[in-house]
Amino acid sequence: MLELRQISKTFNPDTINEVRSLREVSLSIEDGSFVTVIGTNGSGKSTLLNAVAGTFFVDSGSIHLGGREVTRWPEHRRASLIGSRSRSRCRQASKQSTRWCRSAAGSAS
């Protein structure tokens, strides 16, 4: 299970370039769920996923993976709890998943 509890992230705080990317985002995703994150450019989709992965630390709130509080864990430590589906694995799943994986992979084919 993935659980986000009121996570917030501001880049370049207290400067003219300040960007409030995430504001008190809360989310729960059960194991085995399939989730699609949709939004316009600059809406925080990548920031949300990078926060979960541990690419940077959030300013406030907490992140829980598999029942463990991982908010301050570095990226390499979280890796064992986070899975991703490669294009070859998607092809094995279904035609619909294959289409999604192709669009998600972009020009990396």
Protein backbone atom coordinates (compact mmCIF):
# COMPACT_ATOMS: atom_id res chain seq x y z
CA MET A 1 0.00 0.00 0.00
CA LEU A 2 1.12 3.54 -0.76
CA GLU A 3 -0.09 6.27 1.52
CA LEU A 4 0.72 9.97 1.29
CA ARG A 5 -0.32 12.14 4.21
CA GLN A 6 -0.48 15.87 3.51
CA ILE A 7 2.82 16.05 1.63
CA SER A 8 4.05 19.44 0.45
CA LYS A 9 7.03 20.49 -1.65
CA THR A 10 8.21 23.98 -2.58
CA PHE A 11 11.18 24.49 -4.86
CA ASN A 12 13.38 27.60 -4.39
CA PRO A 13 11.48 28.76 -1.28
CA ASP A 14 11.54 32.45 -0.37
CA THR A 15 12.97 33.48 -3.73
CA ILE A 16 11.53 35.11 -6.82
CA ASN A 17 11.65 31.62 -8.43
CA GLU A 18 9.57 29.93 -5.71
CA VAL A 19 7.31 27.16 -7.04
CA ARG A 20 4.79 25.46 -4.73
CA SER A 21 4.57 22.14 -6.50
CA LEU A 22 2.67 19.99 -3.99
CA ARG A 23 0.32 21.36 -1.34
CA GLU A 24 -0.87 19.01 1.38
CA VAL A 25 -1.49 16.08 -1.00
CA SER A 26 -3.06 13.02 0.60
CA LEU A 27 -3.56 9.74 -1.23
CA SER A 28 -4.01 6.04 -0.46
CA ILE A 29 -3.46 3.32 -3.06
CA GLU A 30 -4.14 -0.32 -2.17
CA ASP A 31 -1.77 -3.10 -3.24
CA GLY A 32 -2.57 -4.41 -6.71
CA SER A 33 -4.33 -1.22 -7.80
CA PHE A 34 -3.70 0.34 -11.22
CA VAL A 35 -3.50 4.13 -11.07
CA THR A 36 -3.04 6.73 -13.79
CA VAL A 37 -1.85 10.22 -12.90
CA ILE A 38 -3.24 12.82 -15.30
CA GLY A 39 -2.73 16.57 -15.35
CA THR A 40 -1.60 19.54 -17.39
CA ASN A 41 2.01 20.60 -17.80
CA GLY A 42 3.39 21.84 -14.50
CA SER A 43 0.60 20.35 -12.38
CA GLY A 44 2.95 18.25 -10.23
CA LYS A 45 2.66 14.74 -11.72
CA SER A 46 6.41 14.13 -11.94
CA THR A 47 7.00 15.88 -8.63
CA LEU A 48 4.49 13.55 -6.96
CA LEU A 49 6.13 10.42 -8.37
CA ASN A 50 9.64 11.69 -7.59
CA ALA A 51 8.58 12.43 -4.01
CA VAL A 52 7.40 8.84 -3.60
CA ALA A 53 10.61 7.51 -5.17
CA GLY A 54 12.74 9.62 -2.84
CA THR A 55 14.41 11.70 -5.54
CA PHE A 56 14.08 14.58 -3.05
CA PHE A 57 12.60 14.94 0.42
CA VAL A 58 9.20 16.57 0.90
CA ASP A 59 9.00 19.70 3.05
CA SER A 60 6.17 18.37 5.19
CA GLY A 61 3.85 15.41 5.50
CA SER A 62 4.69 11.71 5.41
CA ILE A 63 5.09 8.90 2.88
CA HIS A 64 4.30 5.28 3.74
CA LEU A 65 5.16 2.29 1.53
CA GLY A 66 4.13 -1.22 2.46
CA GLY A 67 3.25 -0.09 5.98
CA ARG A 68 6.67 1.54 6.54
CA GLU A 69 7.17 5.25 7.07
CA VAL A 70 9.80 6.12 4.44
CA THR A 71 9.58 9.91 4.32
CA ARG A 72 13.26 10.44 5.15
CA TRP A 73 14.62 7.30 3.48
CA PRO A 74 17.00 7.99 0.58
CA GLU A 75 16.06 6.93 -2.94
CA HIS A 76 18.24 3.80 -2.98
CA ARG A 77 16.65 2.52 0.22
CA ARG A 78 13.10 2.92 -1.11
CA ALA A 79 13.91 1.13 -4.37
CA SER A 80 13.19 -2.35 -3.00
CA LEU A 81 9.65 -1.27 -2.06
CA ILE A 82 8.83 0.37 -5.41
CA GLY A 83 8.12 -1.60 -8.56
CA SER A 84 7.81 -0.50 -12.13
CA ARG A 85 6.55 -2.37 -15.15
CA SER A 86 8.93 -2.59 -18.07
CA ARG A 87 7.66 -2.55 -21.66
CA SER A 88 8.39 -6.25 -22.07
CA ARG A 89 6.34 -7.05 -18.96
CA CYS A 90 3.50 -4.92 -20.28
CA ARG A 91 3.40 -6.88 -23.51
CA GLN A 92 2.78 -10.00 -21.46
CA ALA A 93 -0.12 -8.38 -19.60
CA SER A 94 -2.61 -7.26 -22.24
CA LYS A 95 -3.01 -5.22 -25.41
CA GLN A 96 -4.40 -2.30 -23.42
CA SER A 97 -1.41 -2.31 -21.04
CA THR A 98 0.96 -2.56 -24.01
CA ARG A 99 -0.52 0.63 -25.48
CA TRP A 100 -0.09 2.41 -22.15
CA CYS A 101 3.50 1.26 -21.82
CA ARG A 102 4.34 2.42 -25.33
CA SER A 103 2.95 5.88 -24.64
CA ALA A 104 4.66 6.04 -21.23
CA ALA A 105 8.00 4.99 -22.68
CA GLY A 106 7.86 7.70 -25.36
CA SER A 107 10.88 7.71 -27.65
CA ALA A 108 12.75 5.17 -25.52
CA SER A 109 11.62 2.36 -27.87
